[in-house]
Amino acid sequence: MVASAIAAGAFTGPVSAAASASVTSASDTAASASCGKPVAFPGGDTWSFYPVRKLTFKGRTLWLRNVRATDYSYAYIKSGYRAGDLVTVQRSKDRGKTKKVCGPFARDHSNQQSNYHVSMRACIGVRVSGALRSDCTDWYYDKG
């Protein structure tokens, strides 16, 4: 799963030797830390408190949060965040065959991305003995 997340283009930068040949795929749009719009209160917006996808990875709990009122979603490290952790949101109009990567963000949350009639997932990257390890939630499709 880790190699597949790295191969799927979740993150760029130093990775394990086994996965270094395929950090991104041809179907990925270049990552951008300026995409989307900022999250005002990532932990305190109780009207969007529920996750639509969750992942536990290396002692962290990652959520893909869906803000129903605005049709936006974002990645949020709910617990276990450590300085240097990275998050991204991937957005796809064809259920993951091609995707836009928003991030990486070196903080506990990503920017928000429009999720109306698209598939999205949250990804996390952490350093383990100097090597970047990553994983992603399952895809979530917002039917509107």
Protein backbone atom coordinates (compact mmCIF):
# COMPACT_ATOMS: atom_id res chain seq x y z
CA MET A 1 0.00 0.00 0.00
CA VAL A 2 2.82 2.45 0.82
CA ALA A 3 4.52 1.91 -2.52
CA SER A 4 1.21 2.29 -4.33
CA ALA A 5 0.51 5.61 -2.59
CA ILE A 6 3.93 6.91 -3.52
CA ALA A 7 3.60 5.58 -7.06
CA ALA A 8 0.19 7.22 -7.32
CA GLY A 9 1.88 10.59 -6.89
CA ALA A 10 0.79 11.36 -3.35
CA PHE A 11 4.05 13.15 -2.61
CA THR A 12 7.30 14.22 -4.17
CA GLY A 13 10.74 14.30 -2.59
CA PRO A 14 13.01 11.64 -1.11
CA VAL A 15 11.35 8.25 -1.01
CA SER A 16 12.43 4.69 -0.46
CA ALA A 17 14.69 3.17 -3.10
CA ALA A 18 12.02 0.63 -4.06
CA ALA A 19 9.54 3.34 -4.98
CA SER A 20 11.87 6.05 -6.28
CA ALA A 21 11.42 5.09 -9.94
CA SER A 22 7.73 5.95 -9.94
CA VAL A 23 7.12 8.89 -7.62
CA THR A 24 4.49 10.31 -9.97
CA SER A 25 2.58 8.84 -12.83
CA ALA A 26 1.83 10.32 -16.24
CA SER A 27 -1.82 10.66 -15.24
CA ASP A 28 -1.07 13.06 -12.38
CA THR A 29 -1.33 16.83 -12.60
CA ALA A 30 1.63 18.54 -10.92
CA ALA A 31 1.21 19.12 -7.20
CA SER A 32 0.56 22.64 -6.02
CA ALA A 33 0.54 23.97 -2.47
CA SER A 34 -1.44 27.02 -3.60
CA CYS A 35 -4.50 25.19 -4.95
CA GLY A 36 -7.90 25.33 -3.35
CA LYS A 37 -8.99 27.72 -0.65
CA PRO A 38 -7.82 27.96 2.97
CA VAL A 39 -9.66 26.18 5.76
CA ALA A 40 -10.78 28.73 8.35
CA PHE A 41 -11.00 26.45 11.41
CA PRO A 42 -9.81 22.93 10.56
CA GLY A 43 -10.51 21.47 14.00
CA GLY A 44 -13.43 23.55 15.19
CA ASP A 45 -15.95 23.66 12.37
CA THR A 46 -18.46 21.35 14.02
CA TRP A 47 -20.94 21.62 11.14
CA SER A 48 -18.48 19.53 9.08
CA PHE A 49 -17.02 17.54 11.94
CA TYR A 50 -17.57 14.12 10.43
CA PRO A 51 -15.05 12.37 8.22
CA VAL A 52 -16.16 10.70 5.01
CA ARG A 53 -12.95 8.65 4.92
CA LYS A 54 -10.47 7.78 7.73
CA LEU A 55 -6.99 6.29 7.82
CA THR A 56 -4.64 5.38 10.66
CA PHE A 57 -0.99 5.49 9.60
CA LYS A 58 2.23 5.54 11.67
CA GLY A 59 0.43 6.76 14.81
CA ARG A 60 -1.59 9.47 13.03
CA THR A 61 -5.29 9.56 12.24
CA LEU A 62 -6.04 11.19 8.88
CA TRP A 63 -9.53 12.29 7.89
CA LEU A 64 -10.98 13.38 4.59
CA ARG A 65 -13.57 15.86 5.79
CA ASN A 66 -16.55 16.85 3.72
CA VAL A 67 -18.11 20.27 4.20
CA ARG A 68 -21.64 19.61 2.96
CA ALA A 69 -22.75 23.26 3.10
CA THR A 70 -20.06 24.39 0.66
CA ASP A 71 -19.33 21.18 -1.33
CA TYR A 72 -15.65 21.25 -0.39
CA SER A 73 -13.43 18.60 1.21
CA TYR A 74 -10.01 18.70 2.82
CA ALA A 75 -7.43 16.45 4.50
CA TYR A 76 -7.02 16.80 8.26
CA ILE A 77 -4.67 14.99 10.65
CA LYS A 78 -7.14 14.54 13.50
CA SER A 79 -4.60 13.11 15.95
CA GLY A 80 -0.90 12.35 16.19
CA TYR A 81 0.32 15.29 14.06
CA ARG A 82 4.07 15.95 14.26
CA ALA A 83 6.08 18.80 12.75
CA GLY A 84 7.22 17.73 9.28
CA ASP A 85 4.13 15.65 8.48
CA LEU A 86 2.67 16.34 5.03
CA VAL A 87 -0.91 16.21 3.75
CA THR A 88 -2.41 16.37 0.28
CA VAL A 89 -5.83 16.08 -1.29
CA GLN A 90 -6.21 14.31 -4.61
CA ARG A 91 -9.18 15.17 -6.82
CA SER A 92 -10.34 13.13 -9.82
CA LYS A 93 -13.18 13.38 -12.31
CA ASP A 94 -12.67 9.80 -13.52
CA ARG A 95 -12.54 7.89 -10.20
CA GLY A 96 -8.74 8.08 -9.85
CA LYS A 97 -7.48 7.30 -13.34
CA THR A 98 -6.22 10.87 -13.61
CA LYS A 99 -5.99 13.25 -10.70
CA LYS A 100 -5.04 16.70 -9.53
CA VAL A 101 -2.82 16.78 -6.45
CA CYS A 102 -3.31 19.68 -4.04
CA GLY A 103 -0.30 19.94 -1.74
CA PRO A 104 1.81 18.82 -0.06
CA PHE A 105 1.11 21.01 2.94
CA ALA A 106 3.53 20.85 5.88
CA ARG A 107 0.79 21.30 8.49
CA ASP A 108 -2.12 19.30 9.93
CA HIS A 109 -4.58 20.18 7.13
CA SER A 110 -4.74 20.86 3.41
CA ASN A 111 -6.57 23.55 1.51
CA GLN A 112 -10.18 22.78 0.56
CA GLN A 113 -11.04 21.47 -2.89
CA SER A 114 -14.43 21.42 -4.59
CA ASN A 115 -15.89 17.94 -4.25
CA TYR A 116 -19.16 18.28 -6.15
CA HIS A 117 -19.48 15.32 -8.54
CA VAL A 118 -15.80 14.36 -8.25
CA SER A 119 -13.84 11.71 -6.37
CA MET A 120 -11.43 12.81 -3.65
CA ARG A 121 -9.03 11.24 -1.20
CA ALA A 122 -6.67 12.47 1.52
CA CYS A 123 -3.01 11.43 1.71
CA ILE A 124 -0.42 11.68 4.47
CA GLY A 125 3.37 11.59 4.31
CA VAL A 126 5.67 11.01 7.28
CA ARG A 127 9.41 10.55 7.58
CA VAL A 128 10.58 7.23 9.01
CA SER A 129 14.35 6.94 9.45
CA GLY A 130 14.75 9.72 6.86
CA ALA A 131 12.60 8.07 4.19
CA LEU A 132 9.19 9.42 3.19
CA ARG A 133 6.38 6.95 3.80
CA SER A 134 2.85 7.71 2.67
CA ASP A 135 -0.64 6.32 2.44
CA CYS A 136 -4.03 7.53 1.22
CA THR A 137 -7.65 7.06 2.22
CA ASP A 138 -10.05 5.33 -0.11
CA TRP A 139 -11.71 7.53 -2.73
CA TYR A 140 -14.89 9.37 -1.79
CA TYR A 141 -17.42 10.43 -4.45
CA ASP A 142 -19.78 13.30 -3.64
CA LYS A 143 -23.02 12.72 -5.51
CA GLY A 144 -24.27 16.16 -4.54
